[in-house]
Amino acid sequence: DYRGYYFYGSEYEGIKDSINNTYGELKDYYEAINGAEIVAHNILESGLRETVYSNGVKAYVNYTDAELTAPSGATVAADGYVWEN
C-alpha cells in the first residue's frame, strides 16, 4: 500500500518546524470554531468562499491568484484566508 509508505517515509525532524508553524497559524481559528457547526457555505460574487458557523464566526477563503476583499472590508490574500467573529 503506497499510502502507508508515504507516511512511513516522513521524518519528523524534517517537518516538525512546519507542523509547529501550521499549528501556530491555525490555533486561534480552531479555538474560535470549537464546538460550532457550519450553518452556511457560499461562493460570493467576488469569488471568495464564505463559511458561516453557528457561533457567528465567518471564514473567507480566496482560491484565486488576486487579492480580494471580504464583505467586512478585510483583505484576503491570493490563496489565503481570514476569519472574523
PDB file of N, CA and C in Angstrom:
ATOM      1  N   ASP A   1       0.847  -1.184   0.000  1.00  0.00           N
ATOM      2  CA  ASP A   1       0.000   0.000   0.000  1.00  0.00           C
ATOM      3  C   ASP A   1       0.891   1.244   0.000  1.00  0.00           C
ATOM      4  N   TYR A   2       0.848   2.016  -1.045  1.00  0.00           N
ATOM      5  CA  TYR A   2       1.727   3.173  -1.190  1.00  0.00           C
ATOM      6  C   TYR A   2       1.429   4.266  -0.160  1.00  0.00           C
ATOM      7  N   ARG A   3       0.181   4.371   0.308  1.00  0.00           N
ATOM      8  CA  ARG A   3      -0.154   5.413   1.277  1.00  0.00           C
ATOM      9  C   ARG A   3       0.588   5.188   2.592  1.00  0.00           C
ATOM     10  N   GLY A   4       0.692   3.963   3.013  1.00  0.00           N
ATOM     11  CA  GLY A   4       1.435   3.663   4.225  1.00  0.00           C
ATOM     12  C   GLY A   4       2.899   4.025   4.086  1.00  0.00           C
ATOM     13  N   TYR A   5       3.461   3.759   2.930  1.00  0.00           N
ATOM     14  CA  TYR A   5       4.869   4.096   2.691  1.00  0.00           C
ATOM     15  C   TYR A   5       5.071   5.602   2.765  1.00  0.00           C
ATOM     16  N   TYR A   6       4.143   6.357   2.205  1.00  0.00           N
ATOM     17  CA  TYR A   6       4.262   7.811   2.211  1.00  0.00           C
ATOM     18  C   TYR A   6       4.390   8.329   3.640  1.00  0.00           C
ATOM     19  N   PHE A   7       3.505   7.873   4.516  1.00  0.00           N
ATOM     20  CA  PHE A   7       3.559   8.349   5.895  1.00  0.00           C
ATOM     21  C   PHE A   7       4.747   7.747   6.635  1.00  0.00           C
ATOM     22  N   TYR A   8       5.068   6.548   6.338  1.00  0.00           N
ATOM     23  CA  TYR A   8       6.220   5.923   6.964  1.00  0.00           C
ATOM     24  C   TYR A   8       7.493   6.655   6.573  1.00  0.00           C
ATOM     25  N   GLY A   9       7.539   7.178   5.354  1.00  0.00           N
ATOM     26  CA  GLY A   9       8.720   7.854   4.856  1.00  0.00           C
ATOM     27  C   GLY A   9       8.889   9.276   5.353  1.00  0.00           C
ATOM     28  N   SER A  10       7.918   9.815   6.108  1.00  0.00           N
ATOM     29  CA  SER A  10       8.033  11.164   6.647  1.00  0.00           C
ATOM     30  C   SER A  10       8.921  11.131   7.874  1.00  0.00           C
ATOM     31  N   GLU A  11       9.910  11.984   7.876  1.00  0.00           N
ATOM     32  CA  GLU A  11      10.815  12.062   9.017  1.00  0.00           C
ATOM     33  C   GLU A  11      10.423  13.268   9.866  1.00  0.00           C
ATOM     34  N   TYR A  12      10.067  13.053  11.102  1.00  0.00           N
ATOM     35  CA  TYR A  12       9.582  14.100  11.978  1.00  0.00           C
ATOM     36  C   TYR A  12      10.547  15.278  12.049  1.00  0.00           C
ATOM     37  N   GLU A  13      11.807  15.013  12.222  1.00  0.00           N
ATOM     38  CA  GLU A  13      12.790  16.096  12.347  1.00  0.00           C
ATOM     39  C   GLU A  13      12.767  17.023  11.130  1.00  0.00           C
ATOM     40  N   GLY A  14      12.443  16.469   9.967  1.00  0.00           N
ATOM     41  CA  GLY A  14      12.421  17.267   8.753  1.00  0.00           C
ATOM     42  C   GLY A  14      11.172  18.113   8.587  1.00  0.00           C
ATOM     43  N   ILE A  15      10.099  17.772   9.315  1.00  0.00           N
ATOM     44  CA  ILE A  15       8.837  18.502   9.147  1.00  0.00           C
ATOM     45  C   ILE A  15       8.317  19.139  10.434  1.00  0.00           C
ATOM     46  N   LYS A  16       9.022  18.973  11.548  1.00  0.00           N
ATOM     47  CA  LYS A  16       8.487  19.464  12.821  1.00  0.00           C
ATOM     48  C   LYS A  16       8.310  20.977  12.831  1.00  0.00           C
ATOM     49  N   ASP A  17       9.208  21.730  12.202  1.00  0.00           N
ATOM     50  CA  ASP A  17       9.048  23.185  12.164  1.00  0.00           C
ATOM     51  C   ASP A  17       7.802  23.568  11.380  1.00  0.00           C
ATOM     52  N   SER A  18       7.549  22.865  10.297  1.00  0.00           N
ATOM     53  CA  SER A  18       6.350  23.119   9.501  1.00  0.00           C
ATOM     54  C   SER A  18       5.087  22.814  10.308  1.00  0.00           C
ATOM     55  N   ILE A  19       5.100  21.721  11.044  1.00  0.00           N
ATOM     56  CA  ILE A  19       3.961  21.348  11.890  1.00  0.00           C
ATOM     57  C   ILE A  19       3.718  22.432  12.940  1.00  0.00           C
ATOM     58  N   ASN A  20       4.765  22.869  13.599  1.00  0.00           N
ATOM     59  CA  ASN A  20       4.632  23.893  14.637  1.00  0.00           C
ATOM     60  C   ASN A  20       4.157  25.221  14.058  1.00  0.00           C
ATOM     61  N   ASN A  21       4.658  25.602  12.897  1.00  0.00           N
ATOM     62  CA  ASN A  21       4.232  26.845  12.259  1.00  0.00           C
ATOM     63  C   ASN A  21       2.763  26.782  11.872  1.00  0.00           C
ATOM     64  N   THR A  22       2.345  25.660  11.298  1.00  0.00           N
ATOM     65  CA  THR A  22       0.947  25.500  10.903  1.00  0.00           C
ATOM     66  C   THR A  22       0.049  25.565  12.125  1.00  0.00           C
ATOM     67  N   TYR A  23       0.427  24.901  13.187  1.00  0.00           N
ATOM     68  CA  TYR A  23      -0.347  24.949  14.425  1.00  0.00           C
ATOM     69  C   TYR A  23      -0.455  26.387  14.933  1.00  0.00           C
ATOM     70  N   GLY A  24       0.648  27.110  14.937  1.00  0.00           N
ATOM     71  CA  GLY A  24       0.638  28.495  15.397  1.00  0.00           C
ATOM     72  C   GLY A  24      -0.270  29.377  14.577  1.00  0.00           C
ATOM     73  N   GLU A  25      -0.320  29.144  13.276  1.00  0.00           N
ATOM     74  CA  GLU A  25      -1.164  29.936  12.390  1.00  0.00           C
ATOM     75  C   GLU A  25      -2.647  29.622  12.570  1.00  0.00           C
ATOM     76  N   LEU A  26      -2.989  28.388  12.888  1.00  0.00           N
ATOM     77  CA  LEU A  26      -4.383  27.956  12.927  1.00  0.00           C
ATOM     78  C   LEU A  26      -4.985  27.858  14.324  1.00  0.00           C
ATOM     79  N   LYS A  27      -4.164  27.934  15.353  1.00  0.00           N
ATOM     80  CA  LYS A  27      -4.619  27.726  16.722  1.00  0.00           C
ATOM     81  C   LYS A  27      -5.806  28.617  17.084  1.00  0.00           C
ATOM     82  N   ASP A  28      -5.724  29.920  16.874  1.00  0.00           N
ATOM     83  CA  ASP A  28      -6.800  30.835  17.239  1.00  0.00           C
ATOM     84  C   ASP A  28      -8.070  30.546  16.449  1.00  0.00           C
ATOM     85  N   TYR A  29      -7.917  30.217  15.171  1.00  0.00           N
ATOM     86  CA  TYR A  29      -9.077  29.902  14.336  1.00  0.00           C
ATOM     87  C   TYR A  29      -9.801  28.664  14.862  1.00  0.00           C
ATOM     88  N   TYR A  30      -9.043  27.610  15.139  1.00  0.00           N
ATOM     89  CA  TYR A  30      -9.671  26.384  15.640  1.00  0.00           C
ATOM     90  C   TYR A  30     -10.326  26.610  17.003  1.00  0.00           C
ATOM     91  N   GLU A  31      -9.737  27.434  17.843  1.00  0.00           N
ATOM     92  CA  GLU A  31     -10.356  27.748  19.123  1.00  0.00           C
ATOM     93  C   GLU A  31     -11.655  28.525  18.908  1.00  0.00           C
ATOM     94  N   ALA A  32     -11.681  29.413  17.903  1.00  0.00           N
ATOM     95  CA  ALA A  32     -12.872  30.223  17.630  1.00  0.00           C
ATOM     96  C   ALA A  32     -14.038  29.382  17.123  1.00  0.00           C
ATOM     97  N   ILE A  33     -13.759  28.308  16.397  1.00  0.00           N
ATOM     98  CA  ILE A  33     -14.840  27.488  15.839  1.00  0.00           C
ATOM     99  C   ILE A  33     -15.087  26.209  16.630  1.00  0.00           C
ATOM    100  N   ASN A  34     -14.354  26.024  17.713  1.00  0.00           N
ATOM    101  CA  ASN A  34     -14.504  24.828  18.526  1.00  0.00           C
ATOM    102  C   ASN A  34     -15.946  24.655  18.992  1.00  0.00           C
ATOM    103  N   GLY A  35     -16.553  23.531  18.673  1.00  0.00           N
ATOM    104  CA  GLY A  35     -17.912  23.212  19.072  1.00  0.00           C
ATOM    105  C   GLY A  35     -18.984  23.809  18.177  1.00  0.00           C
ATOM    106  N   ALA A  36     -18.616  24.668  17.248  1.00  0.00           N
ATOM    107  CA  ALA A  36     -19.593  25.288  16.355  1.00  0.00           C
ATOM    108  C   ALA A  36     -19.849  24.382  15.152  1.00  0.00           C
ATOM    109  N   GLU A  37     -21.015  24.555  14.558  1.00  0.00           N
ATOM    110  CA  GLU A  37     -21.369  23.808  13.358  1.00  0.00           C
ATOM    111  C   GLU A  37     -21.400  24.761  12.170  1.00  0.00           C
ATOM    112  N   ILE A  38     -21.107  24.246  11.003  1.00  0.00           N
ATOM    113  CA  ILE A  38     -21.243  25.033   9.785  1.00  0.00           C
ATOM    114  C   ILE A  38     -22.728  25.165   9.491  1.00  0.00           C
ATOM    115  N   VAL A  39     -23.180  26.406   9.330  1.00  0.00           N
ATOM    116  CA  VAL A  39     -24.596  26.633   9.035  1.00  0.00           C
ATOM    117  C   VAL A  39     -24.800  27.147   7.609  1.00  0.00           C
ATOM    118  N   ALA A  40     -23.729  27.605   6.961  1.00  0.00           N
ATOM    119  CA  ALA A  40     -23.849  28.061   5.572  1.00  0.00           C
ATOM    120  C   ALA A  40     -22.480  28.060   4.913  1.00  0.00           C
ATOM    121  N   HIS A  41     -22.495  27.819   3.621  1.00  0.00           N
ATOM    122  CA  HIS A  41     -21.280  27.924   2.802  1.00  0.00           C
ATOM    123  C   HIS A  41     -21.698  28.565   1.489  1.00  0.00           C
ATOM    124  N   ASN A  42     -21.041  29.659   1.143  1.00  0.00           N
ATOM    125  CA  ASN A  42     -21.417  30.415  -0.046  1.00  0.00           C
ATOM    126  C   ASN A  42     -20.195  30.754  -0.881  1.00  0.00           C
ATOM    127  N   ILE A  43     -20.398  30.837  -2.172  1.00  0.00           N
ATOM    128  CA  ILE A  43     -19.386  31.387  -3.068  1.00  0.00           C
ATOM    129  C   ILE A  43     -19.868  32.788  -3.405  1.00  0.00           C
ATOM    130  N   LEU A  44     -19.143  33.774  -2.921  1.00  0.00           N
ATOM    131  CA  LEU A  44     -19.539  35.158  -3.108  1.00  0.00           C
ATOM    132  C   LEU A  44     -19.243  35.632  -4.528  1.00  0.00           C
ATOM    133  N   GLU A  45     -19.872  36.717  -4.914  1.00  0.00           N
ATOM    134  CA  GLU A  45     -19.691  37.267  -6.253  1.00  0.00           C
ATOM    135  C   GLU A  45     -18.227  37.544  -6.562  1.00  0.00           C
ATOM    136  N   SER A  46     -17.470  37.943  -5.554  1.00  0.00           N
ATOM    137  CA  SER A  46     -16.047  38.247  -5.740  1.00  0.00           C
ATOM    138  C   SER A  46     -15.209  37.002  -6.003  1.00  0.00           C
ATOM    139  N   GLY A  47     -15.761  35.824  -5.678  1.00  0.00           N
ATOM    140  CA  GLY A  47     -15.022  34.574  -5.806  1.00  0.00           C
ATOM    141  C   GLY A  47     -14.585  34.008  -4.475  1.00  0.00           C
ATOM    142  N   LEU A  48     -14.727  34.796  -3.399  1.00  0.00           N
ATOM    143  CA  LEU A  48     -14.395  34.285  -2.072  1.00  0.00           C
ATOM    144  C   LEU A  48     -15.368  33.189  -1.675  1.00  0.00           C
ATOM    145  N   ARG A  49     -14.869  32.223  -0.936  1.00  0.00           N
ATOM    146  CA  ARG A  49     -15.730  31.202  -0.311  1.00  0.00           C
ATOM    147  C   ARG A  49     -15.966  31.652   1.117  1.00  0.00           C
ATOM    148  N   GLU A  50     -17.229  31.697   1.524  1.00  0.00           N
ATOM    149  CA  GLU A  50     -17.598  32.118   2.870  1.00  0.00           C
ATOM    150  C   GLU A  50     -18.196  30.927   3.607  1.00  0.00           C
ATOM    151  N   THR A  51     -17.655  30.637   4.781  1.00  0.00           N
ATOM    152  CA  THR A  51     -18.215  29.614   5.650  1.00  0.00           C
ATOM    153  C   THR A  51     -18.701  30.299   6.913  1.00  0.00           C
ATOM    154  N   VAL A  52     -19.966  30.069   7.245  1.00  0.00           N
ATOM    155  CA  VAL A  52     -20.585  30.681   8.420  1.00  0.00           C
ATOM    156  C   VAL A  52     -20.821  29.587   9.458  1.00  0.00           C
ATOM    157  N   TYR A  53     -20.398  29.850  10.694  1.00  0.00           N
ATOM    158  CA  TYR A  53     -20.544  28.896  11.784  1.00  0.00           C
ATOM    159  C   TYR A  53     -21.676  29.307  12.717  1.00  0.00           C
ATOM    160  N   SER A  54     -22.194  28.356  13.460  1.00  0.00           N
ATOM    161  CA  SER A  54     -23.331  28.580  14.345  1.00  0.00           C
ATOM    162  C   SER A  54     -23.047  29.588  15.451  1.00  0.00           C
ATOM    163  N   ASN A  55     -21.798  29.841  15.764  1.00  0.00           N
ATOM    164  CA  ASN A  55     -21.462  30.815  16.805  1.00  0.00           C
ATOM    165  C   ASN A  55     -21.177  32.206  16.230  1.00  0.00           C
ATOM    166  N   GLY A  56     -21.440  32.393  14.939  1.00  0.00           N
ATOM    167  CA  GLY A  56     -21.269  33.699  14.315  1.00  0.00           C
ATOM    168  C   GLY A  56     -19.941  33.928  13.617  1.00  0.00           C
ATOM    169  N   VAL A  57     -18.979  33.040  13.813  1.00  0.00           N
ATOM    170  CA  VAL A  57     -17.691  33.176  13.130  1.00  0.00           C
ATOM    171  C   VAL A  57     -17.892  32.964  11.633  1.00  0.00           C
ATOM    172  N   LYS A  58     -17.207  33.794  10.844  1.00  0.00           N
ATOM    173  CA  LYS A  58     -17.223  33.633   9.394  1.00  0.00           C
ATOM    174  C   LYS A  58     -15.784  33.504   8.908  1.00  0.00           C
ATOM    175  N   ALA A  59     -15.579  32.556   8.010  1.00  0.00           N
ATOM    176  CA  ALA A  59     -14.261  32.364   7.406  1.00  0.00           C
ATOM    177  C   ALA A  59     -14.387  32.621   5.914  1.00  0.00           C
ATOM    178  N   TYR A  60     -13.385  33.311   5.369  1.00  0.00           N
ATOM    179  CA  TYR A  60     -13.344  33.608   3.939  1.00  0.00           C
ATOM    180  C   TYR A  60     -12.061  33.024   3.365  1.00  0.00           C
ATOM    181  N   VAL A  61     -12.208  32.229   2.307  1.00  0.00           N
ATOM    182  CA  VAL A  61     -11.059  31.603   1.662  1.00  0.00           C
ATOM    183  C   VAL A  61     -10.987  32.105   0.228  1.00  0.00           C
ATOM    184  N   ASN A  62      -9.783  32.475  -0.175  1.00  0.00           N
ATOM    185  CA  ASN A  62      -9.543  33.012  -1.507  1.00  0.00           C
ATOM    186  C   ASN A  62      -8.720  32.004  -2.299  1.00  0.00           C
ATOM    187  N   TYR A  63      -9.345  31.360  -3.272  1.00  0.00           N
ATOM    188  CA  TYR A  63      -8.645  30.386  -4.109  1.00  0.00           C
ATOM    189  C   TYR A  63      -8.133  31.015  -5.404  1.00  0.00           C
ATOM    190  N   THR A  64      -8.206  32.333  -5.523  1.00  0.00           N
ATOM    191  CA  THR A  64      -7.783  32.991  -6.756  1.00  0.00           C
ATOM    192  C   THR A  64      -6.325  33.435  -6.659  1.00  0.00           C
ATOM    193  N   ASP A  65      -5.831  33.979  -7.762  1.00  0.00           N
ATOM    194  CA  ASP A  65      -4.461  34.495  -7.803  1.00  0.00           C
ATOM    195  C   ASP A  65      -4.399  35.979  -7.474  1.00  0.00           C
ATOM    196  N   ALA A  66      -5.543  36.571  -7.116  1.00  0.00           N
ATOM    197  CA  ALA A  66      -5.597  38.001  -6.830  1.00  0.00           C
ATOM    198  C   ALA A  66      -6.093  38.248  -5.415  1.00  0.00           C
ATOM    199  N   GLU A  67      -5.660  39.349  -4.826  1.00  0.00           N
ATOM    200  CA  GLU A  67      -6.137  39.765  -3.519  1.00  0.00           C
ATOM    201  C   GLU A  67      -7.604  40.169  -3.645  1.00  0.00           C
ATOM    202  N   LEU A  68      -8.433  39.735  -2.697  1.00  0.00           N
ATOM    203  CA  LEU A  68      -9.854  40.059  -2.705  1.00  0.00           C
ATOM    204  C   LEU A  68     -10.244  40.694  -1.376  1.00  0.00           C
ATOM    205  N   THR A  69     -11.435  41.283  -1.331  1.00  0.00           N
ATOM    206  CA  THR A  69     -11.913  41.952  -0.127  1.00  0.00           C
ATOM    207  C   THR A  69     -13.160  41.248   0.397  1.00  0.00           C
ATOM    208  N   ALA A  70     -13.147  40.918   1.678  1.00  0.00           N
ATOM    209  CA  ALA A  70     -14.308  40.309   2.331  1.00  0.00           C
ATOM    210  C   ALA A  70     -15.384  41.372   2.525  1.00  0.00           C
ATOM    211  N   PRO A  71     -16.631  40.971   2.743  1.00  0.00           N
ATOM    212  CA  PRO A  71     -17.714  41.936   2.957  1.00  0.00           C
ATOM    213  C   PRO A  71     -17.432  42.936   4.079  1.00  0.00           C
ATOM    214  N   SER A  72     -16.667  42.539   5.074  1.00  0.00           N
ATOM    215  CA  SER A  72     -16.326  43.429   6.195  1.00  0.00           C
ATOM    216  C   SER A  72     -15.259  44.449   5.826  1.00  0.00           C
ATOM    217  N   GLY A  73     -14.631  44.258   4.659  1.00  0.00           N
ATOM    218  CA  GLY A  73     -13.536  45.131   4.249  1.00  0.00           C
ATOM    219  C   GLY A  73     -12.161  44.525   4.472  1.00  0.00           C
ATOM    220  N   ALA A  74     -12.108  43.365   5.108  1.00  0.00           N
ATOM    221  CA  ALA A  74     -10.827  42.692   5.349  1.00  0.00           C
ATOM    222  C   ALA A  74     -10.219  42.224   4.031  1.00  0.00           C
ATOM    223  N   THR A  75      -8.923  42.346   3.920  1.00  0.00           N
ATOM    224  CA  THR A  75      -8.204  41.890   2.741  1.00  0.00           C
ATOM    225  C   THR A  75      -7.898  40.408   2.873  1.00  0.00           C
ATOM    226  N   VAL A  76      -8.182  39.661   1.804  1.00  0.00           N
ATOM    227  CA  VAL A  76      -7.892  38.231   1.777  1.00  0.00           C
ATOM    228  C   VAL A  76      -6.858  38.012   0.679  1.00  0.00           C
ATOM    229  N   ALA A  77      -5.658  37.660   1.063  1.00  0.00           N
ATOM    230  CA  ALA A  77      -4.569  37.466   0.108  1.00  0.00           C
ATOM    231  C   ALA A  77      -4.890  36.345  -0.874  1.00  0.00           C
ATOM    232  N   ALA A  78      -4.274  36.392  -2.047  1.00  0.00           N
ATOM    233  CA  ALA A  78      -4.393  35.301  -3.012  1.00  0.00           C
ATOM    234  C   ALA A  78      -3.999  34.003  -2.323  1.00  0.00           C
ATOM    235  N   ASP A  79      -4.800  32.947  -2.514  1.00  0.00           N
ATOM    236  CA  ASP A  79      -4.570  31.655  -1.872  1.00  0.00           C
ATOM    237  C   ASP A  79      -4.519  31.766  -0.362  1.00  0.00           C
ATOM    238  N   GLY A  80      -5.224  32.739   0.213  1.00  0.00           N
ATOM    239  CA  GLY A  80      -5.210  32.939   1.647  1.00  0.00           C
ATOM    240  C   GLY A  80      -6.595  32.845   2.263  1.00  0.00           C
ATOM    241  N   TYR A  81      -6.670  33.153   3.535  1.00  0.00           N
ATOM    242  CA  TYR A  81      -7.943  33.132   4.254  1.00  0.00           C
ATOM    243  C   TYR A  81      -7.917  34.152   5.374  1.00  0.00           C
ATOM    244  N   VAL A  82      -9.096  34.550   5.816  1.00  0.00           N
ATOM    245  CA  VAL A  82      -9.272  35.328   7.032  1.00  0.00           C
ATOM    246  C   VAL A  82     -10.520  34.797   7.723  1.00  0.00           C
ATOM    247  N   TRP A  83     -10.602  35.044   9.012  1.00  0.00           N
ATOM    248  CA  TRP A  83     -11.815  34.693   9.743  1.00  0.00           C
ATOM    249  C   TRP A  83     -12.137  35.841  10.675  1.00  0.00           C
ATOM    250  N   GLU A  84     -13.449  35.964  10.976  1.00  0.00           N
ATOM    251  CA  GLU A  84     -13.919  37.083  11.773  1.00  0.00           C
ATOM    252  C   GLU A  84     -14.984  36.612  12.750  1.00  0.00           C
ATOM    253  N   ASN A  85     -15.005  37.205  13.915  1.00  0.00           N
ATOM    254  CA  ASN A  85     -16.077  36.949  14.894  1.00  0.00           C
ATOM    255  C   ASN A  85     -17.251  37.837  14.601  1.00  0.00           C
TER     256      ASN A  85
END
